[in-house]
C-alpha atoms as a PDB file:
ATOM      1  CA  MET A   1     -11.305  73.488  27.726  1.00  0.00           C
ATOM      2  CA  GLU A   2     -12.647  72.038  24.545  1.00  0.00           C
ATOM      3  CA  ASN A   3     -13.951  68.492  24.122  1.00  0.00           C
ATOM      4  CA  MET A   4     -11.487  66.015  22.477  1.00  0.00           C
ATOM      5  CA  GLN A   5     -12.493  65.058  18.887  1.00  0.00           C
ATOM      6  CA  PRO A   6      -9.948  63.112  16.871  1.00  0.00           C
ATOM      7  CA  GLU A   7      -9.669  63.950  13.183  1.00  0.00           C
ATOM      8  CA  ASN A   8     -10.990  60.618  12.010  1.00  0.00           C
ATOM      9  CA  TRP A   9     -13.897  60.384  14.469  1.00  0.00           C
ATOM     10  CA  ASN A  10     -17.186  59.692  12.728  1.00  0.00           C
ATOM     11  CA  GLU A  11     -19.985  59.881  15.232  1.00  0.00           C
ATOM     12  CA  ASP A  12     -22.701  59.314  12.628  1.00  0.00           C
ATOM     13  CA  ARG A  13     -21.053  56.093  11.465  1.00  0.00           C
ATOM     14  CA  TYR A  14     -20.530  54.963  15.095  1.00  0.00           C
ATOM     15  CA  LYS A  15     -24.256  55.469  15.822  1.00  0.00           C
ATOM     16  CA  GLU A  16     -25.222  53.674  12.588  1.00  0.00           C
ATOM     17  CA  LEU A  17     -23.070  50.652  13.338  1.00  0.00           C
ATOM     18  CA  ASN A  18     -24.103  50.668  17.053  1.00  0.00           C
ATOM     19  CA  THR A  19     -27.784  50.445  16.021  1.00  0.00           C
ATOM     20  CA  TYR A  20     -27.048  47.886  13.349  1.00  0.00           C
ATOM     21  CA  PHE A  21     -25.254  45.506  15.712  1.00  0.00           C
ATOM     22  CA  ARG A  22     -27.856  45.940  18.470  1.00  0.00           C
ATOM     23  CA  ILE A  23     -30.423  44.638  15.962  1.00  0.00           C
ATOM     24  CA  LYS A  24     -28.077  42.035  14.452  1.00  0.00           C
ATOM     25  CA  ILE A  25     -27.231  40.520  17.824  1.00  0.00           C
ATOM     26  CA  GLU A  26     -30.790  40.460  18.920  1.00  0.00           C
ATOM     27  CA  GLN A  27     -31.728  38.671  15.667  1.00  0.00           C
ATOM     28  CA  LEU A  28     -28.863  36.140  16.053  1.00  0.00           C
ATOM     29  CA  LEU A  29     -30.041  35.280  19.539  1.00  0.00           C
ATOM     30  CA  ARG A  30     -33.563  34.737  18.390  1.00  0.00           C
ATOM     31  CA  THR A  31     -32.845  32.842  15.159  1.00  0.00           C
ATOM     32  CA  ASN A  32     -29.528  30.994  15.399  1.00  0.00           C
ATOM     33  CA  THR A  33     -30.092  27.468  16.523  1.00  0.00           C
ATOM     34  CA  ALA A  34     -26.463  26.796  17.556  1.00  0.00           C
ATOM     35  CA  LEU A  35     -26.466  29.862  19.773  1.00  0.00           C
ATOM     36  CA  GLN A  36     -29.857  28.962  21.191  1.00  0.00           C
ATOM     37  CA  GLU A  37     -28.533  25.475  22.121  1.00  0.00           C
ATOM     38  CA  LYS A  38     -25.413  26.947  23.698  1.00  0.00           C
ATOM     39  CA  ILE A  39     -27.585  29.314  25.817  1.00  0.00           C
ATOM     40  CA  ALA A  40     -29.889  26.344  26.847  1.00  0.00           C
ATOM     41  CA  GLU A  41     -26.899  24.187  27.891  1.00  0.00           C
ATOM     42  CA  ALA A  42     -24.604  26.629  29.563  1.00  0.00           C
ATOM     43  CA  TRP A  43     -26.456  29.933  29.859  1.00  0.00           C
ATOM     44  CA  ASN A  44     -23.184  31.523  28.735  1.00  0.00           C
ATOM     45  CA  VAL A  45     -22.559  33.110  25.361  1.00  0.00           C
ATOM     46  CA  GLN A  46     -19.644  35.275  24.702  1.00  0.00           C
ATOM     47  CA  LEU A  47     -19.564  38.215  22.356  1.00  0.00           C
ATOM     48  CA  SER A  48     -16.996  36.288  20.368  1.00  0.00           C
ATOM     49  CA  ASP A  49     -19.542  33.453  19.871  1.00  0.00           C
ATOM     50  CA  LEU A  50     -21.941  35.941  18.381  1.00  0.00           C
ATOM     51  CA  VAL A  51     -19.296  37.464  16.060  1.00  0.00           C
ATOM     52  CA  ASP A  52     -18.292  33.861  14.947  1.00  0.00           C
ATOM     53  CA  HIS A  53     -21.819  33.330  13.764  1.00  0.00           C
ATOM     54  CA  MET A  54     -21.998  36.482  11.784  1.00  0.00           C
ATOM     55  CA  GLU A  55     -21.457  36.609   7.974  1.00  0.00           C
ATOM     56  CA  ASN A  56     -18.084  37.733   6.733  1.00  0.00           C
ATOM     57  CA  GLU A  57     -19.380  41.109   5.760  1.00  0.00           C
ATOM     58  CA  ASP A  58     -20.812  41.644   9.230  1.00  0.00           C
ATOM     59  CA  GLN A  59     -17.506  40.510  10.841  1.00  0.00           C
ATOM     60  CA  GLN A  60     -15.722  43.255   8.767  1.00  0.00           C
ATOM     61  CA  LEU A  61     -18.282  45.803   9.910  1.00  0.00           C
ATOM     62  CA  TRP A  62     -17.723  44.587  13.458  1.00  0.00           C
ATOM     63  CA  GLU A  63     -14.008  45.349  13.154  1.00  0.00           C
ATOM     64  CA  GLU A  64     -14.818  48.812  11.889  1.00  0.00           C
ATOM     65  CA  PHE A  65     -17.232  49.276  14.847  1.00  0.00           C
ATOM     66  CA  LEU A  66     -14.598  48.234  17.381  1.00  0.00           C
ATOM     67  CA  VAL A  67     -12.164  50.886  16.095  1.00  0.00           C
ATOM     68  CA  LEU A  68     -14.956  53.539  16.455  1.00  0.00           C
ATOM     69  CA  ASP A  69     -15.960  52.198  19.904  1.00  0.00           C
ATOM     70  CA  LYS A  70     -12.370  52.396  21.114  1.00  0.00           C
ATOM     71  CA  GLN A  71     -12.206  55.986  19.827  1.00  0.00           C
ATOM     72  CA  LYS A  72     -15.485  56.838  21.580  1.00  0.00           C
ATOM     73  CA  LEU A  73     -14.246  55.395  24.911  1.00  0.00           C
ATOM     74  CA  GLU A  74     -11.086  57.447  24.612  1.00  0.00           C
ATOM     75  CA  ILE A  75     -12.954  60.598  23.756  1.00  0.00           C
ATOM     76  CA  ASP A  76     -15.400  60.067  26.656  1.00  0.00           C
ATOM     77  CA  MET A  77     -12.604  59.348  29.119  1.00  0.00           C
ATOM     78  CA  TRP A  78     -10.564  62.390  28.048  1.00  0.00           C
ATOM     79  CA  ASN A  79     -13.554  64.681  28.260  1.00  0.00           C
ATOM     80  CA  HIS A  80     -14.592  63.329  31.594  1.00  0.00           C
ATOM     81  CA  LEU A  81     -11.149  63.726  33.071  1.00  0.00           C
ATOM     82  CA  HIS A  82     -11.045  67.262  31.844  1.00  0.00           C
ATOM     83  CA  GLY A  83     -14.406  68.132  33.251  1.00  0.00           C
ATOM     84  CA  THR A  84     -16.308  68.267  29.971  1.00  0.00           C
ATOM     85  CA  GLY A  85     -18.499  65.860  28.064  1.00  0.00           C
ATOM     86  CA  THR A  86     -20.783  63.241  29.430  1.00  0.00           C
ATOM     87  CA  ARG A  87     -21.036  61.851  32.940  1.00  0.00           C
ATOM     88  CA  TYR A  88     -19.959  58.388  33.995  1.00  0.00           C
ATOM     89  CA  ARG A  89     -22.458  56.030  35.570  1.00  0.00           C
ATOM     90  CA  PRO A  90     -21.225  52.674  36.908  1.00  0.00           C
ATOM     91  CA  GLY A  91     -22.893  49.836  35.031  1.00  0.00           C
ATOM     92  CA  PHE A  92     -23.906  52.194  32.163  1.00  0.00           C
ATOM     93  CA  GLY A  93     -20.649  53.947  31.199  1.00  0.00           C
ATOM     94  CA  PHE A  94     -20.567  57.454  29.921  1.00  0.00           C
ATOM     95  CA  THR A  95     -24.036  58.849  29.539  1.00  0.00           C
ATOM     96  CA  SER A  96     -25.800  62.103  28.930  1.00  0.00           C
ATOM     97  CA  ALA A  97     -29.375  63.310  29.307  1.00  0.00           C
ATOM     98  CA  SER A  98     -29.990  62.482  25.635  1.00  0.00           C
ATOM     99  CA  ASP A  99     -28.849  58.878  25.917  1.00  0.00           C
ATOM    100  CA  THR A 100     -31.505  56.180  25.893  1.00  0.00           C
ATOM    101  CA  GLU A 101     -31.741  53.920  29.007  1.00  0.00           C
ATOM    102  CA  TRP A 102     -31.119  50.409  27.876  1.00  0.00           C
END
């Protein structure tokens, strides 16, 4: 059985945005005073807090990334349930030997 690949799936764009937001979020946590204060007071920052502190252009890119991320999850689940694709590891999600350990 073949792997599921929707027509509009763009793996390169997904990887590009994934990398971009890993860096952007790390940068926000290091440099944004309001987020640093929230962390110091409550030790609890939600992803929505981070997105709220992004510039409008980054928020639009975030929306694009969420669409691609949902597609990736659907692809990974379909492939997993049909015995193809990547394996599932609790706490890590769908991974393969080529994935980097975070």
